[in-house]
Amino acid sequence: MVASSQALLRHFGFCRWGPTPWVQLAGSLKLRTGNPVSWTTVRLVTTVTLEPAGRCRWDEPVRITVRGLAPGQPVTLRASLRDEKGALFRAHARYCADAAGLLDLERAPALGGSFTGLEPMGLFWAMEPEKPLLRLVKRDVQTPFAVELEVLDNHEPRVGRLLGRVVHERDFLAPGVRREPVRAGRVRATLFLPPEPGPFPGIVDILGAGGGLLEYRASLLAGKGFAVMALAYYNYEDLPKGLENLHLEYFEEAVNYLLNHPQVKGPGVGLLGISKGGELCLSMASFLKGISAAVIINGSVAYVGGNLHYKGSGPFPGIIDIFGIGGGLLEYRASLLAGHGFATLALAYYDFDDLPKKFDMIHLEYFEEALCYMLQHSQIKGTRIGLLGISLGADICLSMASFLKNISATVSINGSGFSGHRVIHYKDSNIPPLGHDLRRVKVAFSGLLDIVDIRNDIIGGCENPCMIPIEKAQGPILFIVGQDDHNWRSELYAQIASERLQAHGKEKPQIISYPGTGHYIEPPYFPMCPASLHKLLDKPVMWGGEPRAHSKAQVDAWKEILTFFTKHLGPSPKL
């Protein structure tokens, strides 16, 4: 793509023809005529060239060169685009032409601006929003992003005339890629199919907690030879509006749809998820069949922010867990037990809801009712259960074992053996949330919230009950993490996941960790999103990352993802 600036230069009076003793060109070059009355014709043509020419994919690099400059001429290059909502994103950098008047961004380092150094794609990945707290997202993959590139004389902030301009279109659909909306049963998605004759390796692509249906990553992957389903899971059409309760059956339905599609090559599909989508992909790999491989980008290994349900687990051996004289309802021990495969009832018995505020006498009928509830529950295995109690709770358990039927075992921790008067609540087979403590929120100097440390401590390490049982996964897992992720400590979570897998006799997973990289790891050349409104907190938070390192990580991570899927799903016809 070549854009000539001749007309622009003539319009602004930068190119002149006529009887003049001096002609001032861009930069410091001056030409003196030999005779004041002679005619000197100086014709300056500045061209901006892009390779490859014409429209290209967003994840492809482009070579930018500027010709027709004066030797050593200082110029400023600007790049800008507007998203579908009209939000402006832009970047700029200062350069100097070489001795031949050529500026090649693959050889010339930026001297300042939005970035410095040799960064051929810096004008793309360094773009920042005009209004703060906005993230560049492609909402309609059927239209390209139009990036306007401008060359201006001199260095900012003292820029001169416009020397050249070109509009570069970067799209998300390779020629021939097919886009098929999916409305099958409950599944709300878009399927992208490569142009070549199939079948193709299949991938389910799930994004984070923003909700809706975003297709840009799936469409780019389809251009690499994969059949990719961009899957919505909340806040889209008739799907749930919130994240409070998600059901793996929905995601199972999506996997089955993909596996049964005539253009998808089995026997399994791959998963790709970022942030909340990474959590869901881990859950899918842990519980569902037909998963060949999974890539997790900055995902938590503990389920956060709601409940995840699946019909396929259980039944489990049952336990009633009873605490001491403090009253109320304590669940932490029962939740730990649930992580070890027990259906555990944490039973309150006073100073909770409509229970007695004080507990002066033992009424075994109440505990018998709890016992019967457990025995009749569909997720409880067998006809007997165990009891666990501490202090006064131990005494209550001993009383239950003494007077009630269907007790198979009792554990007493520091019980007295005498008649006691007090007891936690039953937990179903659902995966419990890890939870958070808003008192851990930090406020940065900029006024943004830093939420990296608000999640509760992972008590129990890799055996914490809130942790997804990834050891059940049938295929390998790739963890991609940003070391500067400020949404949560992704690198730590990945290490804990590795420990859990190895503790259960599984191979150590592959973990790719990127220094200086934040939370939103996108396909190549997307500008880093340093901060934005948190969907759940409804407050501006920082996501972490340093622009240069983050950009390089995105390029490398994209290559690693493609390599990983190709290895474990099989090569596509294109690759």
Foldseek 3Di string as FASTA:
>chain_A
DKWKCQVVCVVVVQADWDQAQWRDHFAGDIDGDPDSRDTDHDGFIKMWDKPPPAEEAPLDAIKIKIARAAAFFKKKKKKWWAAPVRWIWIWMFIWTAHNRRMDTLQPTWTPDTLDTGRDRLCRQQSIDTPDAFDFDAHADQVFWIWMKMWMFGHDPPPTHGTRTIDIYTHGQADPQWDWAFDDDDPWGKIKIAARDQAQFAEEEEEEDDPFDWGCRQVNNVNPQFYTYIGTTAEDYDPHHPHDAEGECVRVLVVQVVQCPDPNHDDDAHEYEYAALGLCSNLLCLQQHPRYQEYEYELYFQFHADHWYDYPPDAQFAEEEFWEDDPFDADCQVVLLVLLVGYFYFFDGAECYDPHHPHWDADDCVVVVVVVVVQQPDPSHDDRAHEYEYEELGLLSRVVCVVPPPRHDYYDYHPYDVDGHTTTHGTDDNIQDGQDFAVVPWDQDPVRAIQCAPGTDDQPPQLSRSSGRQSLNRPYAYEYEYECFFRVYRSVSSLVSPQVNNVVVVHDRGHYHYFYQAWRDQDAASRHDRQWHQDPVVRGIHGGTGDSVSSRVSNSVVVVVVVVVCCVRSPHGPSD
